[in-house]
N, C-alpha and C. Protein backbone atom coordinates (compact mmCIF):
# COMPACT_ATOMS: atom_id res chain seq x y z
N MET A 1 -3.31 15.84 3.21
CA MET A 1 -3.51 14.38 3.31
C MET A 1 -3.20 13.69 1.99
N LYS A 2 -3.57 14.33 0.88
CA LYS A 2 -3.33 13.72 -0.42
C LYS A 2 -1.85 13.57 -0.70
N VAL A 3 -1.04 14.59 -0.37
CA VAL A 3 0.40 14.54 -0.61
C VAL A 3 1.04 13.45 0.24
N ILE A 4 0.61 13.34 1.50
CA ILE A 4 1.16 12.30 2.38
C ILE A 4 0.82 10.91 1.86
N THR A 5 -0.41 10.74 1.36
CA THR A 5 -0.81 9.44 0.83
C THR A 5 -0.01 9.07 -0.41
N VAL A 6 0.25 10.02 -1.28
CA VAL A 6 1.06 9.75 -2.47
C VAL A 6 2.48 9.36 -2.07
N CYS A 7 3.04 10.04 -1.08
CA CYS A 7 4.39 9.67 -0.60
C CYS A 7 4.39 8.26 0.00
N MET A 8 3.35 7.92 0.74
CA MET A 8 3.24 6.57 1.28
C MET A 8 3.13 5.54 0.16
N LEU A 9 2.40 5.88 -0.90
CA LEU A 9 2.27 4.97 -2.03
C LEU A 9 3.61 4.72 -2.70
N LEU A 10 4.40 5.77 -2.91
CA LEU A 10 5.72 5.61 -3.53
C LEU A 10 6.65 4.77 -2.64
N LEU A 11 6.60 5.02 -1.33
CA LEU A 11 7.40 4.21 -0.41
C LEU A 11 6.96 2.76 -0.42
N TYR A 12 5.65 2.54 -0.50
CA TYR A 12 5.13 1.17 -0.54
C TYR A 12 5.59 0.45 -1.80
N LEU A 13 5.55 1.12 -2.95
CA LEU A 13 5.99 0.49 -4.19
C LEU A 13 7.49 0.20 -4.17
N CYS A 14 8.27 1.07 -3.55
CA CYS A 14 9.71 0.81 -3.42
C CYS A 14 9.97 -0.42 -2.55
N LEU A 15 9.25 -0.54 -1.45
CA LEU A 15 9.40 -1.72 -0.59
C LEU A 15 8.95 -2.98 -1.30
N GLY A 16 7.85 -2.89 -2.07
CA GLY A 16 7.40 -4.05 -2.83
C GLY A 16 8.41 -4.49 -3.88
N ALA A 17 9.03 -3.51 -4.57
CA ALA A 17 10.05 -3.85 -5.56
C ALA A 17 11.27 -4.47 -4.90
N LEU A 18 11.65 -3.97 -3.73
CA LEU A 18 12.80 -4.53 -3.02
C LEU A 18 12.51 -5.96 -2.55
N ALA A 19 11.30 -6.20 -2.06
CA ALA A 19 10.93 -7.55 -1.64
C ALA A 19 10.91 -8.50 -2.84
N ALA A 20 10.41 -8.02 -3.99
CA ALA A 20 10.42 -8.86 -5.19
C ALA A 20 11.84 -9.17 -5.64
N TYR A 21 12.74 -8.21 -5.52
CA TYR A 21 14.14 -8.45 -5.89
C TYR A 21 14.76 -9.57 -5.04
N PHE A 22 14.58 -9.49 -3.73
CA PHE A 22 15.14 -10.53 -2.86
C PHE A 22 14.43 -11.86 -3.08
N GLY A 23 13.13 -11.82 -3.39
CA GLY A 23 12.42 -13.06 -3.65
C GLY A 23 12.91 -13.76 -4.90
N PHE A 24 13.10 -13.01 -5.99
CA PHE A 24 13.64 -13.61 -7.21
C PHE A 24 15.08 -14.08 -7.01
N SER A 25 15.83 -13.34 -6.21
CA SER A 25 17.20 -13.77 -5.92
C SER A 25 17.22 -15.11 -5.17
N ALA A 26 16.30 -15.25 -4.20
CA ALA A 26 16.23 -16.51 -3.47
C ALA A 26 15.80 -17.66 -4.38
N LYS A 27 14.86 -17.41 -5.25
CA LYS A 27 14.39 -18.45 -6.17
C LYS A 27 15.50 -18.86 -7.14
N HIS A 28 16.22 -17.87 -7.66
CA HIS A 28 17.31 -18.18 -8.59
C HIS A 28 18.44 -18.95 -7.90
N THR A 29 18.75 -18.56 -6.67
CA THR A 29 19.83 -19.23 -5.94
C THR A 29 19.47 -20.67 -5.62
N SER A 30 18.23 -20.89 -5.18
CA SER A 30 17.84 -22.26 -4.82
C SER A 30 17.74 -23.16 -6.04
N GLY A 31 17.59 -22.57 -7.23
CA GLY A 31 17.48 -23.39 -8.43
C GLY A 31 18.79 -23.66 -9.14
N THR A 32 19.88 -23.06 -8.70
CA THR A 32 21.17 -23.29 -9.34
C THR A 32 21.72 -24.67 -8.96
N ARG A 33 22.60 -25.15 -9.79
CA ARG A 33 23.15 -26.50 -9.56
C ARG A 33 24.04 -26.54 -8.32
N GLU A 34 24.69 -25.44 -8.02
CA GLU A 34 25.61 -25.41 -6.88
C GLU A 34 24.89 -25.60 -5.56
N TYR A 35 23.67 -25.05 -5.46
CA TYR A 35 22.92 -25.10 -4.21
C TYR A 35 21.72 -26.03 -4.30
N HIS A 36 21.72 -26.94 -5.26
CA HIS A 36 20.59 -27.85 -5.41
C HIS A 36 20.66 -28.94 -4.34
N VAL A 37 19.48 -29.41 -3.97
CA VAL A 37 19.39 -30.45 -2.93
C VAL A 37 19.85 -31.78 -3.51
N LEU A 38 20.69 -32.49 -2.76
CA LEU A 38 21.19 -33.79 -3.16
C LEU A 38 20.48 -34.89 -2.39
N LEU A 39 20.32 -36.04 -3.05
CA LEU A 39 19.66 -37.19 -2.43
C LEU A 39 20.67 -38.33 -2.32
N TYR A 40 20.87 -38.77 -1.11
CA TYR A 40 21.77 -39.90 -0.85
C TYR A 40 20.96 -40.96 -0.11
N LYS A 41 20.64 -42.05 -0.84
CA LYS A 41 19.74 -43.08 -0.32
C LYS A 41 18.40 -42.44 0.03
N ASP A 42 18.02 -42.41 1.28
CA ASP A 42 16.76 -41.79 1.70
C ASP A 42 16.99 -40.49 2.46
N ILE A 43 18.18 -39.90 2.30
CA ILE A 43 18.51 -38.67 3.03
C ILE A 43 18.68 -37.54 2.02
N CYS A 44 17.97 -36.44 2.27
CA CYS A 44 18.11 -35.23 1.45
C CYS A 44 19.15 -34.32 2.10
N ILE A 45 20.17 -33.97 1.35
CA ILE A 45 21.25 -33.14 1.84
C ILE A 45 21.05 -31.72 1.29
N TYR A 46 20.80 -30.78 2.19
CA TYR A 46 20.60 -29.38 1.81
C TYR A 46 21.89 -28.61 2.08
N PRO A 47 22.51 -28.03 1.06
CA PRO A 47 23.74 -27.27 1.28
C PRO A 47 23.45 -25.88 1.84
N ASP A 48 24.50 -25.23 2.31
CA ASP A 48 24.36 -23.88 2.82
C ASP A 48 24.11 -22.94 1.64
N SER A 49 22.95 -22.31 1.61
CA SER A 49 22.54 -21.51 0.46
C SER A 49 22.25 -20.07 0.89
N PRO A 50 22.63 -19.08 0.06
CA PRO A 50 22.25 -17.69 0.38
C PRO A 50 20.76 -17.44 0.32
N ALA A 51 19.98 -18.39 -0.23
CA ALA A 51 18.53 -18.22 -0.29
C ALA A 51 17.91 -18.16 1.09
N GLN A 52 18.62 -18.68 2.09
CA GLN A 52 18.10 -18.61 3.45
C GLN A 52 17.98 -17.15 3.91
N THR A 53 18.98 -16.34 3.58
CA THR A 53 18.95 -14.93 3.99
C THR A 53 18.06 -14.09 3.10
N THR A 54 18.18 -14.28 1.79
CA THR A 54 17.40 -13.46 0.86
C THR A 54 15.90 -13.76 0.97
N GLY A 55 15.55 -15.01 1.24
CA GLY A 55 14.14 -15.34 1.43
C GLY A 55 13.56 -14.68 2.67
N LEU A 56 14.33 -14.68 3.76
CA LEU A 56 13.87 -14.02 4.98
C LEU A 56 13.73 -12.51 4.78
N LEU A 57 14.69 -11.92 4.06
CA LEU A 57 14.61 -10.48 3.79
C LEU A 57 13.37 -10.13 2.97
N ALA A 58 13.07 -10.96 1.97
CA ALA A 58 11.89 -10.71 1.15
C ALA A 58 10.61 -10.75 1.99
N GLY A 59 10.50 -11.75 2.86
CA GLY A 59 9.32 -11.84 3.71
C GLY A 59 9.20 -10.70 4.70
N LEU A 60 10.33 -10.30 5.30
CA LEU A 60 10.30 -9.23 6.29
C LEU A 60 9.97 -7.88 5.64
N ILE A 61 10.55 -7.62 4.47
CA ILE A 61 10.27 -6.35 3.78
C ILE A 61 8.81 -6.29 3.35
N LEU A 62 8.27 -7.42 2.92
CA LEU A 62 6.85 -7.44 2.55
C LEU A 62 5.96 -7.16 3.76
N LEU A 63 6.31 -7.69 4.90
CA LEU A 63 5.53 -7.42 6.11
C LEU A 63 5.63 -5.94 6.52
N VAL A 64 6.81 -5.34 6.36
CA VAL A 64 6.96 -3.92 6.66
C VAL A 64 6.09 -3.08 5.71
N ALA A 65 6.05 -3.46 4.44
CA ALA A 65 5.20 -2.75 3.48
C ALA A 65 3.73 -2.87 3.85
N GLN A 66 3.32 -4.03 4.33
CA GLN A 66 1.92 -4.20 4.70
C GLN A 66 1.60 -3.42 5.98
N MET A 67 2.57 -3.29 6.88
CA MET A 67 2.37 -2.44 8.06
C MET A 67 2.17 -0.99 7.65
N LEU A 68 2.85 -0.59 6.57
CA LEU A 68 2.65 0.76 6.06
C LEU A 68 1.22 0.95 5.56
N VAL A 69 0.66 -0.08 4.94
CA VAL A 69 -0.73 -0.02 4.50
C VAL A 69 -1.67 0.11 5.70
N ILE A 70 -1.42 -0.67 6.73
CA ILE A 70 -2.28 -0.63 7.91
C ILE A 70 -2.19 0.72 8.61
N ALA A 71 -0.98 1.28 8.69
CA ALA A 71 -0.82 2.60 9.31
C ALA A 71 -1.53 3.67 8.51
N THR A 72 -1.44 3.59 7.18
CA THR A 72 -2.14 4.56 6.34
C THR A 72 -3.65 4.44 6.50
N CYS A 73 -4.14 3.22 6.60
CA CYS A 73 -5.57 3.00 6.79
C CYS A 73 -6.03 3.58 8.12
N ALA A 74 -5.24 3.40 9.18
CA ALA A 74 -5.61 3.94 10.49
C ALA A 74 -5.62 5.46 10.47
N CYS A 75 -4.61 6.07 9.83
CA CYS A 75 -4.57 7.54 9.75
C CYS A 75 -5.73 8.07 8.93
N THR A 76 -6.10 7.35 7.86
CA THR A 76 -7.20 7.80 7.02
C THR A 76 -8.53 7.72 7.76
N CYS A 77 -8.72 6.64 8.53
CA CYS A 77 -9.96 6.52 9.30
C CYS A 77 -10.06 7.61 10.35
N ARG A 78 -8.95 8.00 10.93
CA ARG A 78 -8.97 9.09 11.91
C ARG A 78 -9.22 10.42 11.22
N TRP A 79 -8.68 10.58 10.00
CA TRP A 79 -8.89 11.82 9.26
C TRP A 79 -10.35 11.96 8.81
N ASN A 80 -10.97 10.83 8.52
CA ASN A 80 -12.36 10.83 8.06
C ASN A 80 -13.32 10.44 9.18
N ASP A 81 -13.01 10.83 10.42
CA ASP A 81 -13.87 10.40 11.53
C ASP A 81 -15.24 11.03 11.49
N LYS A 82 -15.37 12.19 10.85
CA LYS A 82 -16.67 12.85 10.76
C LYS A 82 -17.32 12.68 9.40
N LYS A 83 -16.71 11.91 8.54
CA LYS A 83 -17.26 11.73 7.20
C LYS A 83 -17.21 10.26 6.83
N GLN A 84 -18.31 9.71 6.45
CA GLN A 84 -18.40 8.30 6.11
C GLN A 84 -17.90 8.08 4.68
N VAL A 85 -17.04 7.05 4.52
CA VAL A 85 -16.56 6.69 3.20
C VAL A 85 -17.55 5.69 2.61
N GLU A 86 -18.16 6.03 1.50
CA GLU A 86 -19.21 5.21 0.93
C GLU A 86 -18.90 4.91 -0.53
N GLY A 87 -19.65 3.95 -1.07
CA GLY A 87 -19.58 3.67 -2.50
C GLY A 87 -18.37 2.83 -2.88
N LEU A 88 -17.85 3.10 -4.07
CA LEU A 88 -16.76 2.29 -4.62
C LEU A 88 -15.48 2.45 -3.83
N ASN A 89 -15.20 3.65 -3.32
CA ASN A 89 -13.97 3.86 -2.56
C ASN A 89 -13.93 3.01 -1.29
N ALA A 90 -15.08 2.87 -0.63
CA ALA A 90 -15.12 2.06 0.59
C ALA A 90 -14.79 0.59 0.26
N THR A 91 -15.32 0.10 -0.86
CA THR A 91 -15.04 -1.28 -1.27
C THR A 91 -13.57 -1.46 -1.61
N ILE A 92 -13.00 -0.49 -2.34
CA ILE A 92 -11.59 -0.57 -2.72
C ILE A 92 -10.69 -0.53 -1.50
N ILE A 93 -10.97 0.37 -0.58
CA ILE A 93 -10.14 0.49 0.62
C ILE A 93 -10.23 -0.76 1.48
N GLY A 94 -11.45 -1.28 1.67
CA GLY A 94 -11.62 -2.47 2.52
C GLY A 94 -10.98 -3.70 1.93
N LEU A 95 -11.23 -3.97 0.64
CA LEU A 95 -10.66 -5.15 0.01
C LEU A 95 -9.14 -5.04 -0.09
N GLY A 96 -8.66 -3.86 -0.43
CA GLY A 96 -7.21 -3.70 -0.55
C GLY A 96 -6.48 -3.94 0.76
N CYS A 97 -7.07 -3.50 1.86
CA CYS A 97 -6.42 -3.67 3.16
C CYS A 97 -6.55 -5.10 3.68
N ILE A 98 -7.76 -5.65 3.66
CA ILE A 98 -7.98 -6.98 4.25
C ILE A 98 -7.33 -8.07 3.40
N LEU A 99 -7.63 -8.10 2.10
CA LEU A 99 -7.05 -9.13 1.25
C LEU A 99 -5.54 -8.95 1.09
N GLY A 100 -5.07 -7.71 1.12
CA GLY A 100 -3.63 -7.47 1.06
C GLY A 100 -2.91 -8.04 2.27
N CYS A 101 -3.50 -7.86 3.45
CA CYS A 101 -2.90 -8.44 4.66
C CYS A 101 -2.87 -9.96 4.59
N PHE A 102 -3.94 -10.55 4.07
CA PHE A 102 -4.00 -12.01 3.95
C PHE A 102 -2.94 -12.53 2.98
N ALA A 103 -2.84 -11.88 1.81
CA ALA A 103 -1.84 -12.32 0.82
C ALA A 103 -0.42 -12.10 1.33
N SER A 104 -0.18 -10.99 2.03
CA SER A 104 1.15 -10.72 2.56
C SER A 104 1.54 -11.75 3.62
N GLY A 105 0.59 -12.11 4.47
CA GLY A 105 0.88 -13.13 5.48
C GLY A 105 1.22 -14.47 4.88
N LEU A 106 0.46 -14.88 3.85
CA LEU A 106 0.77 -16.15 3.19
C LEU A 106 2.13 -16.10 2.49
N ALA A 107 2.40 -14.99 1.80
CA ALA A 107 3.69 -14.86 1.11
C ALA A 107 4.85 -14.91 2.10
N ALA A 108 4.71 -14.20 3.22
CA ALA A 108 5.77 -14.23 4.23
C ALA A 108 5.94 -15.63 4.81
N ALA A 109 4.85 -16.37 4.97
CA ALA A 109 4.95 -17.75 5.48
C ALA A 109 5.69 -18.65 4.49
N PHE A 110 5.40 -18.50 3.19
CA PHE A 110 6.10 -19.31 2.19
C PHE A 110 7.57 -18.91 2.09
N PHE A 111 7.86 -17.63 2.22
CA PHE A 111 9.27 -17.21 2.23
C PHE A 111 10.00 -17.78 3.43
N ALA A 112 9.35 -17.78 4.58
CA ALA A 112 9.98 -18.35 5.78
C ALA A 112 10.18 -19.85 5.63
N SER A 113 9.20 -20.54 5.02
CA SER A 113 9.35 -21.98 4.80
C SER A 113 10.49 -22.27 3.82
N GLY A 114 10.57 -21.47 2.74
CA GLY A 114 11.67 -21.66 1.80
C GLY A 114 13.02 -21.38 2.42
N SER A 115 13.08 -20.37 3.28
CA SER A 115 14.34 -20.08 3.96
C SER A 115 14.73 -21.20 4.92
N ALA A 116 13.73 -21.80 5.57
CA ALA A 116 14.03 -22.92 6.48
C ALA A 116 14.57 -24.12 5.71
N LEU A 117 14.04 -24.35 4.50
CA LEU A 117 14.54 -25.46 3.69
C LEU A 117 15.88 -25.14 3.04
N SER A 118 16.29 -23.88 3.04
CA SER A 118 17.56 -23.50 2.42
C SER A 118 18.72 -23.53 3.41
N ARG A 119 18.45 -23.77 4.66
CA ARG A 119 19.56 -23.84 5.61
C ARG A 119 20.22 -25.21 5.53
N PRO A 120 21.51 -25.30 5.83
CA PRO A 120 22.20 -26.59 5.71
C PRO A 120 21.68 -27.62 6.71
N ALA A 121 21.26 -28.75 6.18
CA ALA A 121 20.71 -29.80 7.04
C ALA A 121 20.64 -31.11 6.25
N GLU A 122 20.39 -32.18 6.96
CA GLU A 122 20.16 -33.49 6.36
C GLU A 122 18.82 -34.00 6.87
N ARG A 123 17.90 -34.27 5.95
CA ARG A 123 16.56 -34.70 6.33
C ARG A 123 16.20 -35.96 5.56
N TYR A 124 15.42 -36.80 6.19
CA TYR A 124 14.92 -37.99 5.52
C TYR A 124 13.85 -37.59 4.50
N ARG A 125 13.88 -38.25 3.40
CA ARG A 125 12.91 -37.96 2.36
C ARG A 125 11.52 -38.39 2.82
N VAL A 126 10.58 -37.50 2.61
CA VAL A 126 9.20 -37.76 3.01
C VAL A 126 8.50 -38.46 1.85
N ARG A 127 8.06 -39.70 2.08
CA ARG A 127 7.34 -40.46 1.05
C ARG A 127 5.86 -40.19 1.16
N GLU A 128 5.30 -39.62 0.11
CA GLU A 128 3.87 -39.37 0.08
C GLU A 128 3.13 -40.62 -0.38
N LYS A 129 1.84 -40.69 -0.03
CA LYS A 129 1.06 -41.87 -0.36
C LYS A 129 0.86 -42.03 -1.87
N THR A 130 0.70 -40.92 -2.56
CA THR A 130 0.44 -40.99 -3.99
C THR A 130 1.66 -40.63 -4.82
N ASN A 131 2.80 -40.43 -4.19
CA ASN A 131 4.00 -40.04 -4.91
C ASN A 131 5.18 -40.82 -4.36
N THR A 132 5.78 -41.63 -5.17
CA THR A 132 6.93 -42.44 -4.77
C THR A 132 8.20 -41.98 -5.47
N SER A 133 8.23 -40.73 -5.92
CA SER A 133 9.41 -40.21 -6.60
C SER A 133 10.54 -39.99 -5.61
N ALA A 134 11.73 -39.83 -6.15
CA ALA A 134 12.91 -39.68 -5.31
C ALA A 134 13.27 -38.21 -5.10
N ASP A 135 12.32 -37.28 -5.34
CA ASP A 135 12.60 -35.85 -5.19
C ASP A 135 12.51 -35.46 -3.72
N CYS A 136 13.39 -34.54 -3.36
CA CYS A 136 13.33 -33.96 -2.02
C CYS A 136 12.44 -32.73 -2.03
N ALA A 137 12.03 -32.32 -0.85
CA ALA A 137 11.20 -31.13 -0.74
C ALA A 137 11.99 -29.90 -1.16
N GLN A 138 11.40 -29.11 -2.05
CA GLN A 138 12.06 -27.93 -2.57
C GLN A 138 11.42 -26.67 -1.95
N PRO A 139 12.22 -25.59 -1.80
CA PRO A 139 11.64 -24.33 -1.31
C PRO A 139 10.59 -23.79 -2.28
N LYS A 140 9.46 -23.38 -1.75
CA LYS A 140 8.35 -22.91 -2.58
C LYS A 140 8.43 -21.39 -2.74
N PHE A 141 9.52 -20.94 -3.34
CA PHE A 141 9.68 -19.51 -3.56
C PHE A 141 8.79 -19.01 -4.69
N THR A 142 8.43 -19.88 -5.63
CA THR A 142 7.57 -19.44 -6.73
C THR A 142 6.19 -19.03 -6.22
N THR A 143 5.63 -19.83 -5.33
CA THR A 143 4.34 -19.49 -4.74
C THR A 143 4.43 -18.21 -3.91
N ALA A 144 5.54 -18.06 -3.19
CA ALA A 144 5.71 -16.86 -2.37
C ALA A 144 5.80 -15.61 -3.24
N ILE A 145 6.49 -15.70 -4.38
CA ILE A 145 6.63 -14.54 -5.28
C ILE A 145 5.27 -14.20 -5.90
N ALA A 146 4.50 -15.22 -6.27
CA ALA A 146 3.17 -14.96 -6.83
C ALA A 146 2.27 -14.25 -5.81
N LEU A 147 2.29 -14.71 -4.58
CA LEU A 147 1.50 -14.06 -3.54
C LEU A 147 2.01 -12.65 -3.24
N LEU A 148 3.32 -12.46 -3.38
CA LEU A 148 3.89 -11.13 -3.17
C LEU A 148 3.32 -10.13 -4.18
N PHE A 149 3.26 -10.54 -5.46
CA PHE A 149 2.71 -9.65 -6.48
C PHE A 149 1.22 -9.38 -6.24
N VAL A 150 0.51 -10.39 -5.78
CA VAL A 150 -0.91 -10.19 -5.46
C VAL A 150 -1.06 -9.18 -4.32
N ALA A 151 -0.22 -9.31 -3.29
CA ALA A 151 -0.29 -8.39 -2.15
C ALA A 151 0.06 -6.97 -2.56
N VAL A 152 1.10 -6.81 -3.39
CA VAL A 152 1.49 -5.47 -3.83
C VAL A 152 0.40 -4.84 -4.69
N PHE A 153 -0.23 -5.64 -5.56
CA PHE A 153 -1.31 -5.11 -6.39
C PHE A 153 -2.50 -4.67 -5.54
N LEU A 154 -2.87 -5.47 -4.54
CA LEU A 154 -3.97 -5.10 -3.66
C LEU A 154 -3.63 -3.85 -2.85
N GLY A 155 -2.37 -3.74 -2.42
CA GLY A 155 -1.97 -2.54 -1.72
C GLY A 155 -2.02 -1.30 -2.60
N PHE A 156 -1.66 -1.47 -3.87
CA PHE A 156 -1.75 -0.35 -4.82
C PHE A 156 -3.20 0.08 -5.00
N ILE A 157 -4.11 -0.90 -5.13
CA ILE A 157 -5.53 -0.58 -5.24
C ILE A 157 -6.02 0.16 -3.99
N PHE A 158 -5.54 -0.27 -2.84
CA PHE A 158 -5.91 0.39 -1.59
C PHE A 158 -5.48 1.86 -1.59
N PHE A 159 -4.25 2.12 -1.99
CA PHE A 159 -3.75 3.50 -2.00
C PHE A 159 -4.49 4.35 -3.03
N VAL A 160 -4.89 3.76 -4.15
CA VAL A 160 -5.67 4.49 -5.14
C VAL A 160 -7.00 4.96 -4.54
N GLY A 161 -7.65 4.07 -3.79
CA GLY A 161 -8.89 4.45 -3.13
C GLY A 161 -8.69 5.55 -2.10
N ILE A 162 -7.57 5.49 -1.36
CA ILE A 162 -7.29 6.52 -0.36
C ILE A 162 -7.04 7.86 -1.04
N VAL A 163 -6.28 7.86 -2.14
CA VAL A 163 -6.01 9.11 -2.85
C VAL A 163 -7.29 9.72 -3.40
N GLN A 164 -8.16 8.89 -3.95
CA GLN A 164 -9.43 9.40 -4.46
C GLN A 164 -10.29 9.97 -3.34
N GLU A 165 -10.28 9.32 -2.20
CA GLU A 165 -11.07 9.82 -1.07
C GLU A 165 -10.51 11.14 -0.56
N ALA A 166 -9.17 11.25 -0.50
CA ALA A 166 -8.56 12.50 -0.07
C ALA A 166 -8.85 13.62 -1.07
N ARG A 167 -8.81 13.30 -2.36
CA ARG A 167 -9.10 14.30 -3.39
C ARG A 167 -10.56 14.76 -3.31
N LYS A 168 -11.45 13.81 -3.06
CA LYS A 168 -12.86 14.16 -2.93
C LYS A 168 -13.09 15.03 -1.71
N GLY A 169 -12.36 14.75 -0.62
CA GLY A 169 -12.50 15.57 0.56
C GLY A 169 -12.00 16.99 0.35
N VAL A 170 -10.92 17.15 -0.44
CA VAL A 170 -10.41 18.48 -0.72
C VAL A 170 -11.36 19.25 -1.61
N LEU A 171 -11.93 18.54 -2.62
CA LEU A 171 -12.80 19.24 -3.56
C LEU A 171 -14.14 19.63 -2.94
N THR A 172 -14.60 18.87 -1.98
CA THR A 172 -15.91 19.16 -1.39
C THR A 172 -15.82 20.08 -0.19
N THR A 173 -14.61 20.48 0.20
CA THR A 173 -14.47 21.39 1.33
C THR A 173 -14.78 22.81 0.88
N PRO A 174 -15.76 23.48 1.47
CA PRO A 174 -16.10 24.83 1.01
C PRO A 174 -14.98 25.81 1.30
N LEU A 175 -14.76 26.70 0.38
CA LEU A 175 -13.75 27.72 0.55
C LEU A 175 -14.25 28.79 1.51
N PRO A 176 -13.36 29.40 2.31
CA PRO A 176 -13.80 30.46 3.23
C PRO A 176 -14.27 31.67 2.45
N GLN A 177 -15.41 32.23 2.89
CA GLN A 177 -15.99 33.40 2.24
C GLN A 177 -15.44 34.66 2.88
N THR A 178 -14.96 35.56 2.04
CA THR A 178 -14.43 36.83 2.52
C THR A 178 -15.45 37.93 2.27
N ALA A 179 -15.57 38.83 3.21
CA ALA A 179 -16.53 39.92 3.08
C ALA A 179 -16.03 40.93 2.06
N THR A 180 -16.90 41.34 1.15
CA THR A 180 -16.57 42.30 0.11
C THR A 180 -17.22 43.63 0.43
N VAL A 181 -16.45 44.70 0.32
CA VAL A 181 -16.95 46.05 0.58
C VAL A 181 -17.24 46.72 -0.74
N PRO A 182 -18.48 47.15 -1.00
CA PRO A 182 -18.78 47.79 -2.28
C PRO A 182 -18.06 49.11 -2.41
N THR A 183 -17.53 49.33 -3.59
CA THR A 183 -16.80 50.56 -3.89
C THR A 183 -17.64 51.45 -4.78
N ALA A 184 -17.49 52.72 -4.61
CA ALA A 184 -18.27 53.68 -5.39
C ALA A 184 -17.68 53.83 -6.77
N ASP A 185 -18.55 53.94 -7.75
CA ASP A 185 -18.12 54.10 -9.13
C ASP A 185 -17.94 55.59 -9.40
N PRO A 186 -16.70 56.01 -9.75
CA PRO A 186 -16.49 57.46 -9.95
C PRO A 186 -17.29 58.01 -11.11
N GLU A 187 -17.61 57.17 -12.14
CA GLU A 187 -18.36 57.67 -13.29
C GLU A 187 -19.80 57.98 -12.93
N ASN A 188 -20.34 57.22 -11.96
CA ASN A 188 -21.73 57.44 -11.57
C ASN A 188 -21.87 58.29 -10.33
N SER A 189 -20.78 58.95 -9.94
CA SER A 189 -20.85 59.75 -8.72
C SER A 189 -21.72 60.96 -8.89
N SER A 190 -21.83 61.39 -10.16
CA SER A 190 -22.67 62.57 -10.40
C SER A 190 -24.15 62.24 -10.32
N GLN A 191 -24.51 60.98 -10.45
CA GLN A 191 -25.90 60.59 -10.44
C GLN A 191 -26.43 60.23 -9.07
N THR A 192 -25.58 60.36 -8.07
CA THR A 192 -26.00 60.02 -6.72
C THR A 192 -26.97 61.08 -6.21
N THR A 193 -27.91 60.65 -5.47
CA THR A 193 -28.93 61.56 -4.93
C THR A 193 -28.48 62.11 -3.60
N ASP A 194 -28.85 63.30 -3.35
CA ASP A 194 -28.49 63.95 -2.10
C ASP A 194 -29.52 63.58 -1.04
N THR A 195 -29.04 62.86 -0.06
CA THR A 195 -29.93 62.40 1.02
C THR A 195 -29.84 63.28 2.25
N THR A 196 -29.20 64.47 2.12
CA THR A 196 -29.07 65.36 3.28
C THR A 196 -30.42 66.02 3.56
N PRO A 197 -30.91 65.97 4.76
CA PRO A 197 -32.21 66.61 5.05
C PRO A 197 -32.14 68.11 4.79
N PRO A 198 -33.21 68.68 4.26
CA PRO A 198 -33.19 70.12 3.92
C PRO A 198 -33.07 71.00 5.17
N GLY A 199 -32.24 72.04 5.01
CA GLY A 199 -32.05 72.99 6.12
C GLY A 199 -33.12 74.06 6.11
N PRO A 200 -33.03 75.00 7.01
CA PRO A 200 -34.03 76.08 7.07
C PRO A 200 -34.02 76.96 5.82
N ASP A 201 -32.84 77.19 5.21
CA ASP A 201 -32.79 78.02 4.01
C ASP A 201 -33.33 77.34 2.79
N ARG A 202 -33.59 76.02 2.85
CA ARG A 202 -34.08 75.32 1.69
C ARG A 202 -35.54 74.92 1.83
N LEU A 203 -36.21 75.39 2.88
CA LEU A 203 -37.61 75.08 3.06
C LEU A 203 -38.44 75.85 2.06
N PRO A 204 -39.56 75.33 1.53
CA PRO A 204 -40.40 76.03 0.57
C PRO A 204 -41.11 77.19 1.23
N VAL A 205 -41.28 78.26 0.46
CA VAL A 205 -41.92 79.47 1.00
C VAL A 205 -43.42 79.38 0.76
């Protein structure tokens, strides 16, 4: 179980790094001058940007990584069905799984929103009550990337708790006892007592 959990952890970190790569790529693309949003009167013109694809990939890969966390949690609970996880490990596993799912969902939602704003379209500028600036709505890839790092960190904490629990289970498992047959010491063979019952020729007269 420990080896499988470590492999899952490495796969999870690879998926998190890949999601971060696509997320930074989407943020960089949306911030370049070539793909910047233009304002014409009260209409925001959004050009065709590659951030639409890279943002969606970042969100989808992050969701796949979080599914890996959930699958590992389910397998661990089945493996520990006869043993209660208590103490610090239980807190680490619970917080890592629950809060990680929450952060991953929010990050994926922000990536999806940024990708929707990166598709080519013309939209009227939304005037807020307390803001009369002429800026158009921008993709919130920065918030999505921040939540992505939070989700990956929580997932890492979760896997650390699982590895510790698996290690504790291995260390506390009693080793099988093998029967040992006593062997005679050749040096003390001369000191052995004769337990043969006396025969008729050895009876006292």
